[in-house]
PDB file of all heavy atoms in Angstrom:
ATOM      1  N   THR A   1       0.806  -1.180  -0.024  1.00  0.00           N
ATOM      2  CA  THR A   1       0.024  -0.020   0.029  1.00  0.00           C
ATOM      3  C   THR A   1       0.865   1.227   0.002  1.00  0.00           C
ATOM      4  O   THR A   1       1.738   1.416   0.911  1.00  0.00           O
ATOM      5  CB  THR A   1      -0.905   0.027   1.221  1.00  0.00           C
ATOM      6  OG1 THR A   1      -1.749  -1.133   1.266  1.00  0.00           O
ATOM      7  CG2 THR A   1      -1.842   1.272   1.146  1.00  0.00           C
ATOM      8  N   ILE A   2       0.645   2.097  -0.948  1.00  0.00           N
ATOM      9  CA  ILE A   2       1.372   3.412  -1.023  1.00  0.00           C
ATOM     10  C   ILE A   2       0.469   4.462  -0.504  1.00  0.00           C
ATOM     11  O   ILE A   2      -0.757   4.429  -0.746  1.00  0.00           O
ATOM     12  CB  ILE A   2       1.887   3.683  -2.437  1.00  0.00           C
ATOM     13  CG1 ILE A   2       2.743   5.041  -2.409  1.00  0.00           C
ATOM     14  CG2 ILE A   2       0.669   3.875  -3.402  1.00  0.00           C
ATOM     15  CD1 ILE A   2       3.418   5.289  -3.746  1.00  0.00           C
ATOM     16  N   SER A   3       1.011   5.422   0.237  1.00  0.00           N
ATOM     17  CA  SER A   3       0.239   6.537   0.785  1.00  0.00           C
ATOM     18  C   SER A   3       1.106   7.709   0.943  1.00  0.00           C
ATOM     19  O   SER A   3       2.398   7.631   0.898  1.00  0.00           O
ATOM     20  CB  SER A   3      -0.409   6.136   2.146  1.00  0.00           C
ATOM     21  OG  SER A   3       0.552   5.825   3.098  1.00  0.00           O
ATOM     22  N   ARG A   4       0.526   8.846   1.154  1.00  0.00           N
ATOM     23  CA  ARG A   4       1.351  10.087   1.341  1.00  0.00           C
ATOM     24  C   ARG A   4       0.656  10.986   2.367  1.00  0.00           C
ATOM     25  O   ARG A   4      -0.479  11.001   2.456  1.00  0.00           O
ATOM     26  CB  ARG A   4       1.524  10.863   0.028  1.00  0.00           C
ATOM     27  CG  ARG A   4       0.243  11.369  -0.564  1.00  0.00           C
ATOM     28  CD  ARG A   4       0.503  11.891  -2.014  1.00  0.00           C
ATOM     29  NE  ARG A   4       1.437  12.904  -2.111  1.00  0.00           N
ATOM     30  CZ  ARG A   4       2.031  13.378  -3.279  1.00  0.00           C
ATOM     31  NH1 ARG A   4       1.669  12.821  -4.363  1.00  0.00           N
ATOM     32  NH2 ARG A   4       2.911  14.329  -3.293  1.00  0.00           N
ATOM     33  N   ASP A   5       1.513  11.657   3.156  1.00  0.00           N
ATOM     34  CA  ASP A   5       1.073  12.648   4.096  1.00  0.00           C
ATOM     35  C   ASP A   5       1.762  13.931   3.697  1.00  0.00           C
ATOM     36  O   ASP A   5       2.929  14.177   4.060  1.00  0.00           O
ATOM     37  CB  ASP A   5       1.508  12.227   5.481  1.00  0.00           C
ATOM     38  CG  ASP A   5       0.885  13.140   6.534  1.00  0.00           C
ATOM     39  OD1 ASP A   5       0.619  14.333   6.253  1.00  0.00           O
ATOM     40  OD2 ASP A   5       0.683  12.718   7.716  1.00  0.00           O
ATOM     41  N   ASN A   6       1.093  14.804   2.974  1.00  0.00           N
ATOM     42  CA  ASN A   6       1.708  16.066   2.466  1.00  0.00           C
ATOM     43  C   ASN A   6       2.107  16.980   3.495  1.00  0.00           C
ATOM     44  O   ASN A   6       3.094  17.642   3.406  1.00  0.00           O
ATOM     45  CB  ASN A   6       0.723  16.724   1.538  1.00  0.00           C
ATOM     46  CG  ASN A   6       0.480  15.906   0.207  1.00  0.00           C
ATOM     47  OD1 ASN A   6       1.427  15.222  -0.253  1.00  0.00           O
ATOM     48  ND2 ASN A   6      -0.680  16.041  -0.430  1.00  0.00           N
ATOM     49  N   ALA A   7       1.377  16.993   4.655  1.00  0.00           N
ATOM     50  CA  ALA A   7       1.714  17.861   5.758  1.00  0.00           C
ATOM     51  C   ALA A   7       3.088  17.520   6.335  1.00  0.00           C
ATOM     52  O   ALA A   7       3.755  18.388   6.920  1.00  0.00           O
ATOM     53  CB  ALA A   7       0.613  17.853   6.844  1.00  0.00           C
ATOM     54  N   LYS A   8       3.441  16.218   6.291  1.00  0.00           N
ATOM     55  CA  LYS A   8       4.703  15.754   6.773  1.00  0.00           C
ATOM     56  C   LYS A   8       5.752  15.566   5.701  1.00  0.00           C
ATOM     57  O   LYS A   8       6.851  15.155   5.968  1.00  0.00           O
ATOM     58  CB  LYS A   8       4.512  14.429   7.556  1.00  0.00           C
ATOM     59  CG  LYS A   8       3.654  14.601   8.785  1.00  0.00           C
ATOM     60  CD  LYS A   8       3.495  13.199   9.474  1.00  0.00           C
ATOM     61  CE  LYS A   8       2.604  13.374  10.710  1.00  0.00           C
ATOM     62  NZ  LYS A   8       2.467  12.046  11.432  1.00  0.00           N
ATOM     63  N   ASN A   9       5.389  15.873   4.458  1.00  0.00           N
ATOM     64  CA  ASN A   9       6.336  15.701   3.344  1.00  0.00           C
ATOM     65  C   ASN A   9       6.851  14.276   3.241  1.00  0.00           C
ATOM     66  O   ASN A   9       8.073  14.009   3.095  1.00  0.00           O
ATOM     67  CB  ASN A   9       7.460  16.712   3.387  1.00  0.00           C
ATOM     68  CG  ASN A   9       6.973  18.126   3.222  1.00  0.00           C
ATOM     69  OD1 ASN A   9       5.983  18.401   2.525  1.00  0.00           O
ATOM     70  ND2 ASN A   9       7.693  19.062   3.833  1.00  0.00           N
ATOM     71  N   THR A  10       5.970  13.341   3.470  1.00  0.00           N
ATOM     72  CA  THR A  10       6.408  11.930   3.587  1.00  0.00           C
ATOM     73  C   THR A  10       5.553  11.019   2.710  1.00  0.00           C
ATOM     74  O   THR A  10       4.303  11.194   2.673  1.00  0.00           O
ATOM     75  CB  THR A  10       6.372  11.478   5.031  1.00  0.00           C
ATOM     76  OG1 THR A  10       7.205  12.338   5.851  1.00  0.00           O
ATOM     77  CG2 THR A  10       6.888  10.100   5.154  1.00  0.00           C
ATOM     78  N   VAL A  11       6.137  10.068   2.058  1.00  0.00           N
ATOM     79  CA  VAL A  11       5.470   9.043   1.323  1.00  0.00           C
ATOM     80  C   VAL A  11       5.842   7.709   1.913  1.00  0.00           C
ATOM     81  O   VAL A  11       6.937   7.458   2.381  1.00  0.00           O
ATOM     82  CB  VAL A  11       5.929   9.039  -0.144  1.00  0.00           C
ATOM     83  CG1 VAL A  11       5.098   8.018  -0.955  1.00  0.00           C
ATOM     84  CG2 VAL A  11       5.680  10.464  -0.744  1.00  0.00           C
ATOM     85  N   TYR A  12       4.884   6.789   2.031  1.00  0.00           N
ATOM     86  CA  TYR A  12       5.038   5.535   2.672  1.00  0.00           C
ATOM     87  C   TYR A  12       4.797   4.378   1.715  1.00  0.00           C
ATOM     88  O   TYR A  12       4.010   4.511   0.697  1.00  0.00           O
ATOM     89  CB  TYR A  12       4.107   5.390   3.878  1.00  0.00           C
ATOM     90  CG  TYR A  12       4.148   6.493   4.906  1.00  0.00           C
ATOM     91  CD1 TYR A  12       3.303   7.551   4.842  1.00  0.00           C
ATOM     92  CD2 TYR A  12       5.148   6.438   5.900  1.00  0.00           C
ATOM     93  CE1 TYR A  12       3.369   8.515   5.756  1.00  0.00           C
ATOM     94  CE2 TYR A  12       5.203   7.442   6.805  1.00  0.00           C
ATOM     95  CZ  TYR A  12       4.344   8.483   6.760  1.00  0.00           C
ATOM     96  OH  TYR A  12       4.434   9.512   7.698  1.00  0.00           O
ATOM     97  N   LEU A  13       5.375   3.244   1.955  1.00  0.00           N
ATOM     98  CA  LEU A  13       5.098   2.034   1.336  1.00  0.00           C
ATOM     99  C   LEU A  13       4.942   0.975   2.361  1.00  0.00           C
ATOM    100  O   LEU A  13       5.968   0.497   2.896  1.00  0.00           O
ATOM    101  CB  LEU A  13       6.159   1.606   0.244  1.00  0.00           C
ATOM    102  CG  LEU A  13       5.823   0.374  -0.541  1.00  0.00           C
ATOM    103  CD1 LEU A  13       4.637   0.587  -1.455  1.00  0.00           C
ATOM    104  CD2 LEU A  13       7.076  -0.072  -1.339  1.00  0.00           C
ATOM    105  N   GLN A  14       3.697   0.536   2.702  1.00  0.00           N
ATOM    106  CA  GLN A  14       3.497  -0.557   3.557  1.00  0.00           C
ATOM    107  C   GLN A  14       3.558  -1.852   2.772  1.00  0.00           C
ATOM    108  O   GLN A  14       2.818  -2.054   1.811  1.00  0.00           O
ATOM    109  CB  GLN A  14       2.118  -0.380   4.190  1.00  0.00           C
ATOM    110  CG  GLN A  14       1.730  -1.596   5.158  1.00  0.00           C
ATOM    111  CD  GLN A  14       2.623  -1.576   6.400  1.00  0.00           C
ATOM    112  OE1 GLN A  14       2.822  -0.559   7.038  1.00  0.00           O
ATOM    113  NE2 GLN A  14       3.082  -2.787   6.803  1.00  0.00           N
ATOM    114  N   MET A  15       4.427  -2.798   3.247  1.00  0.00           N
ATOM    115  CA  MET A  15       4.624  -4.049   2.526  1.00  0.00           C
ATOM    116  C   MET A  15       4.213  -5.183   3.478  1.00  0.00           C
ATOM    117  O   MET A  15       4.906  -5.390   4.497  1.00  0.00           O
ATOM    118  CB  MET A  15       6.067  -4.096   2.056  1.00  0.00           C
ATOM    119  CG  MET A  15       6.550  -2.986   1.206  1.00  0.00           C
ATOM    120  SD  MET A  15       8.254  -3.261   0.546  1.00  0.00           S
ATOM    121  CE  MET A  15       9.126  -3.161   2.065  1.00  0.00           C
ATOM    122  N   ASN A  16       3.230  -5.904   3.082  1.00  0.00           N
ATOM    123  CA  ASN A  16       2.808  -7.023   3.852  1.00  0.00           C
ATOM    124  C   ASN A  16       3.057  -8.365   3.099  1.00  0.00           C
ATOM    125  O   ASN A  16       3.177  -8.317   1.922  1.00  0.00           O
ATOM    126  CB  ASN A  16       1.293  -6.939   4.269  1.00  0.00           C
ATOM    127  CG  ASN A  16       1.060  -5.708   5.093  1.00  0.00           C
ATOM    128  OD1 ASN A  16       1.855  -5.307   5.926  1.00  0.00           O
ATOM    129  ND2 ASN A  16      -0.165  -5.157   4.907  1.00  0.00           N
ATOM    130  N   SER A  17       3.043  -9.434   3.766  1.00  0.00           N
ATOM    131  CA  SER A  17       3.172 -10.767   3.148  1.00  0.00           C
ATOM    132  C   SER A  17       4.369 -10.780   2.231  1.00  0.00           C
ATOM    133  O   SER A  17       4.260 -11.253   1.058  1.00  0.00           O
ATOM    134  CB  SER A  17       1.878 -11.165   2.410  1.00  0.00           C
ATOM    135  OG  SER A  17       0.763 -11.211   3.355  1.00  0.00           O
ATOM    136  N   LEU A  18       5.469 -10.350   2.705  1.00  0.00           N
ATOM    137  CA  LEU A  18       6.670 -10.188   1.818  1.00  0.00           C
ATOM    138  C   LEU A  18       7.147 -11.551   1.397  1.00  0.00           C
ATOM    139  O   LEU A  18       7.091 -12.564   2.120  1.00  0.00           O
ATOM    140  CB  LEU A  18       7.783  -9.522   2.603  1.00  0.00           C
ATOM    141  CG  LEU A  18       7.608  -8.021   2.685  1.00  0.00           C
ATOM    142  CD1 LEU A  18       8.516  -7.422   3.858  1.00  0.00           C
ATOM    143  CD2 LEU A  18       7.965  -7.374   1.313  1.00  0.00           C
ATOM    144  N   LYS A  19       7.672 -11.598   0.185  1.00  0.00           N
ATOM    145  CA  LYS A  19       8.166 -12.808  -0.445  1.00  0.00           C
ATOM    146  C   LYS A  19       9.608 -12.648  -0.832  1.00  0.00           C
ATOM    147  O   LYS A  19      10.120 -11.499  -0.978  1.00  0.00           O
ATOM    148  CB  LYS A  19       7.343 -13.107  -1.746  1.00  0.00           C
ATOM    149  CG  LYS A  19       5.875 -13.230  -1.534  1.00  0.00           C
ATOM    150  CD  LYS A  19       5.175 -13.422  -2.903  1.00  0.00           C
ATOM    151  CE  LYS A  19       3.688 -13.562  -2.706  1.00  0.00           C
ATOM    152  NZ  LYS A  19       2.970 -13.683  -4.010  1.00  0.00           N
ATOM    153  N   PRO A  20      10.351 -13.742  -0.930  1.00  0.00           N
ATOM    154  CA  PRO A  20      11.740 -13.568  -1.327  1.00  0.00           C
ATOM    155  C   PRO A  20      12.009 -12.840  -2.608  1.00  0.00           C
ATOM    156  O   PRO A  20      13.026 -12.081  -2.714  1.00  0.00           O
ATOM    157  CB  PRO A  20      12.180 -15.040  -1.503  1.00  0.00           C
ATOM    158  CG  PRO A  20      11.364 -15.822  -0.541  1.00  0.00           C
ATOM    159  CD  PRO A  20      10.016 -15.105  -0.631  1.00  0.00           C
ATOM    160  N   GLU A  21      11.095 -12.934  -3.598  1.00  0.00           N
ATOM    161  CA  GLU A  21      11.202 -12.200  -4.833  1.00  0.00           C
ATOM    162  C   GLU A  21      11.001 -10.687  -4.678  1.00  0.00           C
ATOM    163  O   GLU A  21      11.199  -9.910  -5.619  1.00  0.00           O
ATOM    164  CB  GLU A  21      10.225 -12.718  -5.840  1.00  0.00           C
ATOM    165  CG  GLU A  21       8.775 -12.853  -5.385  1.00  0.00           C
ATOM    166  CD  GLU A  21       8.425 -14.244  -4.939  1.00  0.00           C
ATOM    167  OE1 GLU A  21       9.217 -14.831  -4.228  1.00  0.00           O
ATOM    168  OE2 GLU A  21       7.348 -14.746  -5.333  1.00  0.00           O
ATOM    169  N   ASP A  22      10.601 -10.262  -3.434  1.00  0.00           N
ATOM    170  CA  ASP A  22      10.503  -8.823  -3.178  1.00  0.00           C
ATOM    171  C   ASP A  22      11.839  -8.218  -2.795  1.00  0.00           C
ATOM    172  O   ASP A  22      12.021  -6.985  -2.642  1.00  0.00           O
ATOM    173  CB  ASP A  22       9.536  -8.527  -2.055  1.00  0.00           C
ATOM    174  CG  ASP A  22       8.076  -8.895  -2.387  1.00  0.00           C
ATOM    175  OD1 ASP A  22       7.660  -8.585  -3.550  1.00  0.00           O
ATOM    176  OD2 ASP A  22       7.399  -9.452  -1.487  1.00  0.00           O
ATOM    177  N   THR A  23      12.830  -9.062  -2.600  1.00  0.00           N
ATOM    178  CA  THR A  23      14.170  -8.593  -2.260  1.00  0.00           C
ATOM    179  C   THR A  23      14.745  -7.693  -3.308  1.00  0.00           C
ATOM    180  O   THR A  23      14.818  -8.002  -4.495  1.00  0.00           O
ATOM    181  CB  THR A  23      15.145  -9.749  -2.069  1.00  0.00           C
ATOM    182  OG1 THR A  23      14.680 -10.570  -0.969  1.00  0.00           O
ATOM    183  CG2 THR A  23      16.579  -9.294  -1.778  1.00  0.00           C
ATOM    184  N   ALA A  24      15.167  -6.482  -2.843  1.00  0.00           N
ATOM    185  CA  ALA A  24      15.692  -5.456  -3.810  1.00  0.00           C
ATOM    186  C   ALA A  24      16.073  -4.223  -3.008  1.00  0.00           C
ATOM    187  O   ALA A  24      15.735  -4.075  -1.811  1.00  0.00           O
ATOM    188  CB  ALA A  24      14.645  -5.110  -4.797  1.00  0.00           C
ATOM    189  N   VAL A  25      16.689  -3.323  -3.703  1.00  0.00           N
ATOM    190  CA  VAL A  25      16.854  -1.962  -3.136  1.00  0.00           C
ATOM    191  C   VAL A  25      15.662  -1.140  -3.588  1.00  0.00           C
ATOM    192  O   VAL A  25      15.314  -1.113  -4.724  1.00  0.00           O
ATOM    193  CB  VAL A  25      18.160  -1.296  -3.690  1.00  0.00           C
ATOM    194  CG1 VAL A  25      18.289   0.134  -3.192  1.00  0.00           C
ATOM    195  CG2 VAL A  25      19.378  -2.094  -3.253  1.00  0.00           C
ATOM    196  N   TYR A  26      15.015  -0.581  -2.636  1.00  0.00           N
ATOM    197  CA  TYR A  26      13.798   0.223  -2.938  1.00  0.00           C
ATOM    198  C   TYR A  26      14.156   1.686  -2.964  1.00  0.00           C
ATOM    199  O   TYR A  26      14.832   2.242  -2.050  1.00  0.00           O
ATOM    200  CB  TYR A  26      12.722  -0.121  -1.859  1.00  0.00           C
ATOM    201  CG  TYR A  26      12.063  -1.427  -2.110  1.00  0.00           C
ATOM    202  CD1 TYR A  26      12.740  -2.637  -1.838  1.00  0.00           C
ATOM    203  CD2 TYR A  26      10.756  -1.460  -2.545  1.00  0.00           C
ATOM    204  CE1 TYR A  26      12.081  -3.841  -2.123  1.00  0.00           C
ATOM    205  CE2 TYR A  26      10.111  -2.672  -2.782  1.00  0.00           C
ATOM    206  CZ  TYR A  26      10.822  -3.817  -2.513  1.00  0.00           C
ATOM    207  OH  TYR A  26      10.186  -5.057  -2.720  1.00  0.00           O
ATOM    208  N   TYR A  27      13.651   2.396  -4.012  1.00  0.00           N
ATOM    209  CA  TYR A  27      13.862   3.788  -4.215  1.00  0.00           C
ATOM    210  C   TYR A  27      12.586   4.599  -4.184  1.00  0.00           C
ATOM    211  O   TYR A  27      11.633   4.187  -4.792  1.00  0.00           O
ATOM    212  CB  TYR A  27      14.634   4.019  -5.495  1.00  0.00           C
ATOM    213  CG  TYR A  27      16.018   3.380  -5.670  1.00  0.00           C
ATOM    214  CD1 TYR A  27      16.173   2.147  -6.154  1.00  0.00           C
ATOM    215  CD2 TYR A  27      17.111   4.126  -5.281  1.00  0.00           C
ATOM    216  CE1 TYR A  27      17.401   1.602  -6.283  1.00  0.00           C
ATOM    217  CE2 TYR A  27      18.403   3.550  -5.402  1.00  0.00           C
ATOM    218  CZ  TYR A  27      18.478   2.265  -5.933  1.00  0.00           C
ATOM    219  OH  TYR A  27      19.759   1.726  -6.044  1.00  0.00           O
TER     220      TYR A  27
END
């Protein structure tokens, strides 16, 4: 789930049920 809080100048990525194929550098 991607979300943003503009008041905090922050973007989030909630990652659930992670799998080995999700392994990476996230940008």
